[in-house]
Amino acid sequence: MTSKRAEETFSTSTSGSAPHITGPATSKPETADFNSELHARPSIYFNGPAIVEHVAFMPLDSAISEFHDSLEADGEISVRVERHTEFVTVTRVRKLDTEPEQWPKSDVAEGDFARLAGLSSPLLVCHVSILVLGSPTSELGTVLKAFDFGDTAASSIGAGAARVCSDFRVRGDNSSRIILFNKDLNAHRLGRMVRRIFEIETYRSMALLGLPEARRLAPLLSGYDAELVQLTNRNLVTPAHQHKRLLEEITVLSSHIISATAETRNRFGATAAYAKIVEERIALLRETHVPGFQRFGTFVERRFKPAVRTCEATALRLEHLSRATMHLLDLLQTRIQVEIEFQNATQIQAMADRAATQVKIQRAVEGFSIIAISYYLLSLLKFIYETADHAGFHIDPVVMLIAVPVVVGAVAITILRVKHALKAEN
């Protein structure tokens, strides 16, 4: 029952391996993957009354890394198994000889679907059954009541070619029920329409996997908010010597927020992506109003969008908390840096003051050195003068008077030259 185009393009392994290209594209494996993806989700085409069961499972042991699409046909029953990025779906079409007056009982259990998917103890994401009938011969409300449908949503789809009805209740077998009244859809259009409805239900359920995470994080985020406010207020009044402790507490809070973000980023991102697909598939139904009933797509969106927005708001709240915490860290680090720079400036100024004092002392010492050396030399000249006078060599006292400024000047010049020489070496 696969499309002729799909059969000509690739053959599919039933063991879970990737599809193998049989055409000329086998020369490049990358191109083979691209071409396979173009035909990866062919619908199951059928006519007449039928019951179509669709089950989606999420493996609990590991992620799904390979595409796998198998189709098994056995007379009036067709089964398709598809592996997606996060989940595996099993779609089973069972044709009916006549249109039933009550909902037909399923001849397979949930465990049988799991075995068909090649999974053991997986997480059930959704279980949807679509009963395909012809146009109702009596009033729609009466027909729906006969099939035990309660508060039902209904729409004309495919430009009036069919009607889809569901009460979205989950029965005892964990399945929800949908009736598709076919008016003008051929086998190909009917298969595609059924597939779109299943995709709406599957991706809606997958998107809602983020809601428990959002509910789990709600009290934690409230606590993080309160702690952030408290730390921000403390940052305004904390003295310099307690900055280290405050910095440690802000770092711990930031670590918790980053951890929560990392744990839920993929789930919330998947929720947003799946929600977008649901919106696209609802648009593809081309719904029109059925008098007396709420639209199928409107019912889905009215119940579905608040949950998606809760996940979006939680993800946005985590992002804002992370930014606010990092901003507080930056403020505290800036404050610490400013105080460190102020302390450094104070120390540098003190060092400059000490250096200036040392220069003054050095200059005073240099003056005393000139006086001391000059006094020593003049005393030596005086000793020489007195010794010469006793020896009979009389020297004019004016010579001593002239020697005083000469000696002082010579000593001063010598010390200054030595000082300049030392500076030049440094």
Protein backbone atom coordinates (compact mmCIF):
# COMPACT_ATOMS: atom_id res chain seq x y z
CA MET A 1 0.00 0.00 0.00
CA THR A 2 2.97 2.32 -0.17
CA SER A 3 2.98 4.88 -2.94
CA LYS A 4 4.42 3.89 -6.31
CA ARG A 5 6.96 6.73 -6.07
CA ALA A 6 8.16 5.47 -2.66
CA GLU A 7 8.44 1.86 -3.90
CA GLU A 8 10.52 2.94 -6.90
CA THR A 9 12.83 5.13 -4.82
CA PHE A 10 13.81 3.02 -1.82
CA SER A 11 13.42 -0.33 -0.17
CA THR A 12 12.89 -0.39 3.57
CA SER A 13 14.38 -2.73 6.15
CA THR A 14 12.04 -4.26 8.71
CA SER A 15 14.84 -4.73 11.22
CA GLY A 16 15.21 -1.07 12.13
CA SER A 17 18.01 -0.18 9.74
CA ALA A 18 18.02 2.88 7.52
CA PRO A 19 16.34 2.63 4.08
CA HIS A 20 18.56 1.55 1.19
CA ILE A 21 18.48 3.49 -2.07
CA THR A 22 18.00 1.29 -5.14
CA GLY A 23 18.34 4.04 -7.75
CA PRO A 24 21.41 5.93 -9.04
CA ALA A 25 21.65 8.02 -5.87
CA THR A 26 23.57 5.19 -4.11
CA SER A 27 26.87 6.84 -5.03
CA LYS A 28 26.55 9.33 -2.19
CA PRO A 29 25.24 8.15 1.21
CA GLU A 30 24.42 11.73 2.25
CA THR A 31 22.26 12.21 -0.81
CA ALA A 32 20.63 8.84 -0.13
CA ASP A 33 19.56 10.04 3.31
CA PHE A 34 18.11 13.24 1.86
CA ASN A 35 16.17 11.39 -0.85
CA SER A 36 14.88 8.83 1.64
CA GLU A 37 13.59 11.58 3.90
CA LEU A 38 11.50 12.96 1.03
CA HIS A 39 9.52 9.70 0.96
CA ALA A 40 9.87 8.77 4.61
CA ARG A 41 6.23 9.09 5.66
CA PRO A 42 3.90 7.68 2.98
CA SER A 43 0.32 7.25 4.12
CA ILE A 44 -1.64 4.02 4.20
CA TYR A 45 -4.28 4.23 1.49
CA PHE A 46 -7.62 2.43 1.81
CA ASN A 47 -11.31 2.65 0.95
CA GLY A 48 -14.55 1.79 2.59
CA PRO A 49 -15.44 1.45 6.25
CA ALA A 50 -12.46 0.71 8.43
CA ILE A 51 -11.10 1.06 11.92
CA VAL A 52 -7.63 2.65 12.05
CA GLU A 53 -5.68 2.41 15.30
CA HIS A 54 -2.62 4.56 15.90
CA VAL A 55 -0.30 4.15 18.89
CA ALA A 56 2.79 6.23 19.69
CA PHE A 57 5.46 5.00 22.10
CA MET A 58 8.47 6.73 23.59
CA PRO A 59 11.40 4.39 24.40
CA LEU A 60 12.59 4.70 27.98
CA ASP A 61 16.02 3.12 27.51
CA SER A 62 17.61 5.12 24.68
CA ALA A 63 16.97 7.63 21.94
CA ILE A 64 15.92 6.57 18.46
CA SER A 65 18.71 7.23 15.98
CA GLU A 66 17.58 5.33 12.88
CA PHE A 67 14.61 5.78 10.61
CA HIS A 68 12.57 2.63 10.19
CA ASP A 69 9.36 2.22 8.22
CA SER A 70 7.84 -1.20 7.78
CA LEU A 71 4.57 -2.10 6.16
CA GLU A 72 2.90 -5.44 6.72
CA ALA A 73 -0.26 -6.41 4.89
CA ASP A 74 -2.37 -9.44 5.69
CA GLY A 75 -5.60 -9.47 3.75
CA GLU A 76 -7.87 -6.86 5.26
CA ILE A 77 -5.27 -5.66 7.80
CA SER A 78 -2.33 -3.33 7.12
CA VAL A 79 0.28 -2.29 9.68
CA ARG A 80 2.88 0.46 9.42
CA VAL A 81 5.70 1.02 11.94
CA GLU A 82 7.59 4.33 11.82
CA ARG A 83 10.52 5.50 13.91
CA HIS A 84 10.78 9.21 14.58
CA THR A 85 13.38 11.22 16.45
CA GLU A 86 11.86 10.69 19.91
CA PHE A 87 9.07 8.19 19.42
CA VAL A 88 7.83 5.20 17.47
CA THR A 89 4.36 4.95 15.93
CA VAL A 90 2.34 1.90 14.92
CA THR A 91 -0.64 2.43 12.59
CA ARG A 92 -2.99 -0.48 11.95
CA VAL A 93 -5.81 -0.41 9.40
CA ARG A 94 -8.54 -3.05 9.67
CA LYS A 95 -11.21 -2.96 7.00
CA LEU A 96 -14.81 -3.65 7.96
CA ASP A 97 -17.33 -5.54 5.88
CA THR A 98 -20.21 -3.27 6.90
CA GLU A 99 -20.59 -0.05 8.80
CA PRO A 100 -21.04 -0.91 12.50
CA GLU A 101 -23.78 0.55 14.67
CA GLN A 102 -21.50 0.50 17.71
CA TRP A 103 -17.81 1.06 18.15
CA PRO A 104 -15.99 -2.10 17.03
CA LYS A 105 -13.91 -3.86 19.63
CA SER A 106 -10.15 -3.88 19.15
CA ASP A 107 -8.59 -7.26 18.42
CA VAL A 108 -5.08 -6.24 19.59
CA ALA A 109 -3.80 -5.09 22.96
CA GLU A 110 -1.44 -2.27 23.79
CA GLY A 111 1.35 -4.76 24.38
CA ASP A 112 0.85 -6.13 20.87
CA PHE A 113 1.48 -2.68 19.43
CA ALA A 114 4.64 -2.37 21.52
CA ARG A 115 5.89 -5.70 20.17
CA LEU A 116 5.16 -4.57 16.62
CA ALA A 117 7.27 -1.48 17.35
CA GLY A 118 10.10 -3.67 18.65
CA LEU A 119 10.00 -2.07 22.11
CA SER A 120 9.76 -3.50 25.61
CA SER A 121 7.96 -1.54 28.35
CA PRO A 122 7.91 1.81 26.51
CA LEU A 123 6.07 4.96 27.57
CA LEU A 124 2.66 5.23 25.91
CA VAL A 125 2.35 8.70 24.37
CA CYS A 126 -1.05 8.38 22.72
CA HIS A 127 -3.50 5.78 21.49
CA VAL A 128 -6.06 7.02 18.96
CA SER A 129 -8.66 5.07 17.02
CA ILE A 130 -10.40 6.47 13.94
CA LEU A 131 -13.58 4.85 12.69
CA VAL A 132 -14.03 5.63 8.99
CA LEU A 133 -17.66 5.59 7.86
CA GLY A 134 -19.70 6.92 5.00
CA SER A 135 -21.86 10.02 5.20
CA PRO A 136 -24.39 9.73 8.04
CA THR A 137 -27.94 8.96 6.95
CA SER A 138 -29.50 10.47 10.07
CA GLU A 139 -28.85 13.48 12.24
CA LEU A 140 -25.19 13.77 13.26
CA GLY A 141 -25.97 14.12 16.95
CA THR A 142 -28.01 10.90 16.95
CA VAL A 143 -25.22 8.95 15.23
CA LEU A 144 -22.62 10.23 17.68
CA LYS A 145 -24.82 9.32 20.63
CA ALA A 146 -25.10 5.76 19.32
CA PHE A 147 -21.31 5.52 19.40
CA ASP A 148 -21.23 6.81 23.02
CA PHE A 149 -19.74 10.19 22.16
CA GLY A 150 -20.28 12.90 24.76
CA ASP A 151 -19.55 16.60 24.33
CA THR A 152 -18.29 16.36 20.76
CA ALA A 153 -16.28 18.66 18.54
CA ALA A 154 -16.94 18.34 14.80
CA SER A 155 -15.72 19.99 11.61
CA SER A 156 -16.10 19.66 7.90
CA ILE A 157 -12.63 19.08 6.48
CA GLY A 158 -11.04 18.88 3.04
CA ALA A 159 -13.33 21.59 1.66
CA GLY A 160 -16.42 19.66 2.79
CA ALA A 161 -15.24 16.27 1.53
CA ALA A 162 -15.46 14.70 5.01
CA ARG A 163 -16.42 15.32 8.61
CA VAL A 164 -14.29 14.60 11.68
CA CYS A 165 -15.83 14.20 15.13
CA SER A 166 -14.32 13.49 18.56
CA ASP A 167 -15.13 13.96 22.21
CA PHE A 168 -11.42 13.61 23.16
CA ARG A 169 -12.25 11.36 26.08
CA VAL A 170 -9.74 8.70 27.10
CA ARG A 171 -11.45 5.35 27.51
CA GLY A 172 -10.56 2.48 29.79
CA ASP A 173 -8.08 1.07 27.27
CA ASN A 174 -6.20 4.41 27.27
CA SER A 175 -7.47 5.24 23.80
CA SER A 176 -9.41 8.19 22.44
CA ARG A 177 -11.92 7.86 19.61
CA ILE A 178 -12.53 9.82 16.43
CA ILE A 179 -15.14 9.25 13.74
CA LEU A 180 -14.40 10.31 10.17
CA PHE A 181 -17.45 10.49 7.91
CA ASN A 182 -16.13 10.22 4.37
CA LYS A 183 -18.12 11.91 1.62
CA ASP A 184 -15.88 12.49 -1.39
CA LEU A 185 -12.35 11.44 -0.37
CA ASN A 186 -10.66 8.83 -2.53
CA ALA A 187 -8.22 6.30 -1.09
CA HIS A 188 -5.20 8.60 -1.37
CA ARG A 189 -6.89 11.67 0.10
CA LEU A 190 -8.52 9.57 2.83
CA GLY A 191 -5.16 8.09 3.84
CA ARG A 192 -3.54 11.52 3.98
CA MET A 193 -6.43 12.99 5.95
CA VAL A 194 -6.32 10.17 8.49
CA ARG A 195 -2.57 10.65 8.78
CA ARG A 196 -2.97 14.37 9.48
CA ILE A 197 -5.45 13.68 12.25
CA PHE A 198 -3.11 11.12 13.80
CA GLU A 199 -0.22 13.58 13.57
CA ILE A 200 -2.30 16.23 15.35
CA GLU A 201 -2.97 13.84 18.22
CA THR A 202 0.58 12.45 18.34
CA TYR A 203 2.42 15.75 18.21
CA ARG A 204 -0.09 17.26 20.63
CA SER A 205 0.70 14.51 23.14
CA MET A 206 4.45 14.85 22.55
CA ALA A 207 4.25 18.61 23.08
CA LEU A 208 2.44 18.11 26.37
CA LEU A 209 5.36 16.10 27.76
CA GLY A 210 6.86 19.46 28.68
CA LEU A 211 3.90 20.38 30.91
CA PRO A 212 4.92 18.15 33.88
CA GLU A 213 8.37 19.73 33.74
CA ALA A 214 6.83 23.19 33.83
CA ARG A 215 4.68 22.24 36.82
CA ARG A 216 7.69 20.72 38.61
CA LEU A 217 9.72 23.88 38.09
CA ALA A 218 6.99 26.32 39.16
CA PRO A 219 7.67 26.18 42.95
CA LEU A 220 11.44 26.05 42.37
CA LEU A 221 11.35 29.18 40.22
CA SER A 222 9.29 30.99 42.83
CA GLY A 223 11.98 30.14 45.38
CA TYR A 224 14.71 31.27 43.00
CA ASP A 225 12.87 34.57 42.47
CA ALA A 226 12.61 35.22 46.19
CA GLU A 227 16.26 34.30 46.76
CA LEU A 228 17.36 36.56 43.92
CA VAL A 229 15.46 39.51 45.41
CA GLN A 230 17.00 38.83 48.82
CA LEU A 231 20.52 38.61 47.40
CA THR A 232 20.01 41.78 45.39
CA ASN A 233 18.94 43.69 48.49
CA ARG A 234 21.92 42.33 50.42
CA ASN A 235 24.23 43.46 47.67
CA LEU A 236 23.24 47.05 48.43
CA VAL A 237 24.18 46.91 52.12
CA THR A 238 26.86 44.22 52.39
CA PRO A 239 30.20 45.62 53.63
CA ALA A 240 33.36 44.95 51.71
CA HIS A 241 34.69 42.23 54.01
CA GLN A 242 31.54 40.08 53.44
CA HIS A 243 31.55 40.19 49.65
CA LYS A 244 33.11 36.75 49.35
CA ARG A 245 30.24 35.02 51.13
CA LEU A 246 27.64 36.93 49.09
CA LEU A 247 29.46 36.02 45.89
CA GLU A 248 29.40 32.34 46.86
CA GLU A 249 25.64 32.41 47.51
CA ILE A 250 24.91 34.12 44.17
CA THR A 251 27.12 31.57 42.41
CA VAL A 252 25.17 28.70 43.99
CA LEU A 253 21.85 30.23 42.89
CA SER A 254 23.19 30.73 39.37
CA SER A 255 24.32 27.10 39.27
CA HIS A 256 20.83 25.88 40.24
CA ILE A 257 19.20 28.00 37.54
CA ILE A 258 21.68 26.89 34.89
CA SER A 259 21.12 23.26 35.89
CA ALA A 260 17.34 23.61 35.63
CA THR A 261 17.72 25.30 32.25
CA ALA A 262 19.98 22.55 30.94
CA GLU A 263 17.62 19.82 32.17
CA THR A 264 14.53 21.28 30.46
CA ARG A 265 15.92 23.12 27.43
CA ASN A 266 15.48 20.18 25.05
CA ARG A 267 12.02 19.31 26.37
CA PHE A 268 10.70 22.86 26.12
CA GLY A 269 12.32 23.27 22.71
CA ALA A 270 10.61 20.09 21.53
CA THR A 271 7.29 21.35 22.92
CA ALA A 272 7.56 24.51 20.85
CA ALA A 273 8.47 22.52 17.71
CA TYR A 274 5.66 20.00 18.17
CA ALA A 275 3.14 22.77 18.84
CA LYS A 276 4.12 24.39 15.54
CA ILE A 277 3.52 21.11 13.72
CA VAL A 278 0.10 20.75 15.36
CA GLU A 279 -0.87 24.23 14.16
CA GLU A 280 0.29 23.39 10.63
CA ARG A 281 -1.61 20.10 10.53
CA ILE A 282 -4.81 21.75 11.79
CA ALA A 283 -4.48 24.34 9.04
CA LEU A 284 -4.09 21.55 6.46
CA LEU A 285 -7.47 20.12 7.49
CA ARG A 286 -9.15 23.20 5.94
CA GLU A 287 -11.91 23.15 8.52
CA THR A 288 -15.34 24.66 8.14
CA HIS A 289 -18.04 24.96 10.78
CA VAL A 290 -20.63 22.26 11.41
CA PRO A 291 -23.82 23.81 12.85
CA GLY A 292 -24.30 22.98 16.50
CA PHE A 293 -20.72 21.80 17.12
CA GLN A 294 -17.44 23.38 18.12
CA ARG A 295 -14.71 22.99 15.53
CA PHE A 296 -12.32 20.08 15.97
CA GLY A 297 -9.24 22.29 15.57
CA THR A 298 -10.66 25.02 17.80
CA PHE A 299 -11.25 22.52 20.60
CA VAL A 300 -7.67 21.21 20.27
CA GLU A 301 -6.16 24.69 20.28
CA ARG A 302 -8.31 25.93 23.16
CA ARG A 303 -7.20 23.06 25.38
CA PHE A 304 -3.72 22.72 23.94
CA LYS A 305 -2.34 26.24 23.62
CA PRO A 306 -2.54 27.16 27.35
CA ALA A 307 -0.32 24.16 28.17
CA VAL A 308 2.15 25.13 25.44
CA ARG A 309 2.20 28.72 26.66
CA THR A 310 2.84 27.50 30.19
CA CYS A 311 5.95 25.70 28.93
CA GLU A 312 7.00 28.77 26.94
CA ALA A 313 6.49 31.01 29.96
CA THR A 314 8.53 28.65 32.14
CA ALA A 315 11.37 28.58 29.63
CA LEU A 316 11.26 32.37 29.35
CA ARG A 317 11.20 32.70 33.13
CA LEU A 318 14.27 30.49 33.40
CA GLU A 319 16.05 32.62 30.81
CA HIS A 320 15.17 35.86 32.62
CA LEU A 321 16.27 34.41 35.97
CA SER A 322 19.56 33.32 34.45
CA ARG A 323 20.15 36.76 32.97
CA ALA A 324 19.20 38.52 36.21
CA THR A 325 21.51 36.30 38.25
CA MET A 326 24.40 36.85 35.87
CA HIS A 327 23.70 40.59 35.97
CA LEU A 328 23.79 40.54 39.77
CA LEU A 329 27.08 38.63 39.62
CA ASP A 330 28.47 41.26 37.25
CA LEU A 331 27.33 44.07 39.55
CA LEU A 332 28.91 42.46 42.60
CA GLN A 333 32.14 41.70 40.76
CA THR A 334 32.23 45.26 39.45
CA ARG A 335 31.73 46.58 42.97
CA ILE A 336 34.49 44.34 44.29
CA GLN A 337 36.77 45.40 41.44
CA VAL A 338 36.12 49.08 42.13
CA GLU A 339 36.93 48.61 45.81
CA ILE A 340 40.10 46.68 44.92
CA GLU A 341 41.14 49.46 42.55
CA PHE A 342 40.43 52.05 45.26
CA GLN A 343 42.57 50.09 47.71
CA ASN A 344 45.32 49.80 45.11
CA ALA A 345 45.14 53.52 44.45
CA THR A 346 45.39 54.22 48.17
CA GLN A 347 48.41 51.94 48.47
CA ILE A 348 50.05 53.53 45.44
CA GLN A 349 49.48 56.99 46.91
CA ALA A 350 51.01 55.88 50.21
CA MET A 351 53.98 54.46 48.35
CA ALA A 352 54.35 57.72 46.45
CA ASP A 353 54.26 59.69 49.71
CA ARG A 354 56.91 57.43 51.20
CA ALA A 355 59.05 57.82 48.10
CA ALA A 356 58.76 61.62 48.29
CA THR A 357 59.79 61.53 51.95
CA GLN A 358 62.73 59.31 51.08
CA VAL A 359 63.78 61.80 48.38
CA LYS A 360 63.66 64.62 50.88
CA ILE A 361 65.68 62.61 53.35
CA GLN A 362 68.14 61.70 50.63
CA ARG A 363 68.56 65.34 49.68
CA ALA A 364 69.13 66.28 53.33
CA VAL A 365 71.68 63.50 53.63
CA GLU A 366 73.40 64.75 50.49
CA GLY A 367 73.61 68.27 52.03
CA PHE A 368 75.00 66.88 55.25
CA SER A 369 77.46 64.80 53.25
CA ILE A 370 78.76 67.89 51.44
CA ILE A 371 79.17 69.73 54.77
CA ALA A 372 80.83 66.76 56.45
CA ILE A 373 83.26 66.07 53.61
CA SER A 374 84.04 69.77 53.20
CA TYR A 375 84.64 70.09 56.95
CA TYR A 376 86.95 67.07 56.85
CA LEU A 377 88.95 68.47 53.89
CA LEU A 378 89.17 71.94 55.40
CA SER A 379 90.36 70.43 58.69
CA LEU A 380 92.99 68.55 56.74
CA LEU A 381 94.09 71.79 54.97
CA LYS A 382 94.19 73.56 58.33
CA PHE A 383 96.39 70.81 59.72
CA ILE A 384 98.71 71.10 56.73
CA TYR A 385 98.78 74.90 57.09
CA GLU A 386 99.67 74.77 60.81
CA THR A 387 102.29 72.08 60.25
CA ALA A 388 103.92 74.14 57.50
CA ASP A 389 103.85 77.25 59.71
CA HIS A 390 105.66 75.38 62.51
CA ALA A 391 108.18 74.15 59.97
CA GLY A 392 108.99 77.73 59.04
CA PHE A 393 106.96 77.89 55.89
CA HIS A 394 104.65 80.84 56.35
CA ILE A 395 101.53 80.72 54.14
CA ASP A 396 99.28 83.71 53.71
CA PRO A 397 96.03 83.21 55.68
CA VAL A 398 94.11 84.43 52.62
CA VAL A 399 94.88 81.07 51.05
CA MET A 400 92.76 79.37 53.73
CA LEU A 401 89.92 81.79 53.13
CA ILE A 402 90.00 81.08 49.41
CA ALA A 403 90.22 77.29 50.03
CA VAL A 404 86.92 77.22 51.93
CA PRO A 405 84.56 77.95 48.96
CA VAL A 406 86.81 76.03 46.57
CA VAL A 407 86.69 72.88 48.70
CA VAL A 408 82.92 73.13 49.33
CA GLY A 409 82.23 73.66 45.61
CA ALA A 410 84.50 70.81 44.57
CA VAL A 411 82.83 68.42 47.01
CA ALA A 412 79.34 69.47 45.89
CA ILE A 413 80.18 69.03 42.20
CA THR A 414 81.74 65.62 42.85
CA ILE A 415 78.69 64.32 44.78
CA LEU A 416 76.28 65.60 42.16
CA ARG A 417 78.25 63.93 39.36
CA VAL A 418 78.27 60.65 41.24
CA LYS A 419 74.49 60.94 41.73
CA HIS A 420 73.90 61.58 38.01
CA ALA A 421 76.14 58.65 37.10
CA LEU A 422 74.12 56.32 39.33
CA LYS A 423 70.84 57.52 37.80
CA ALA A 424 72.22 56.96 34.31
CA GLU A 425 73.09 53.35 35.16
CA ASN A 426 69.58 52.71 36.49
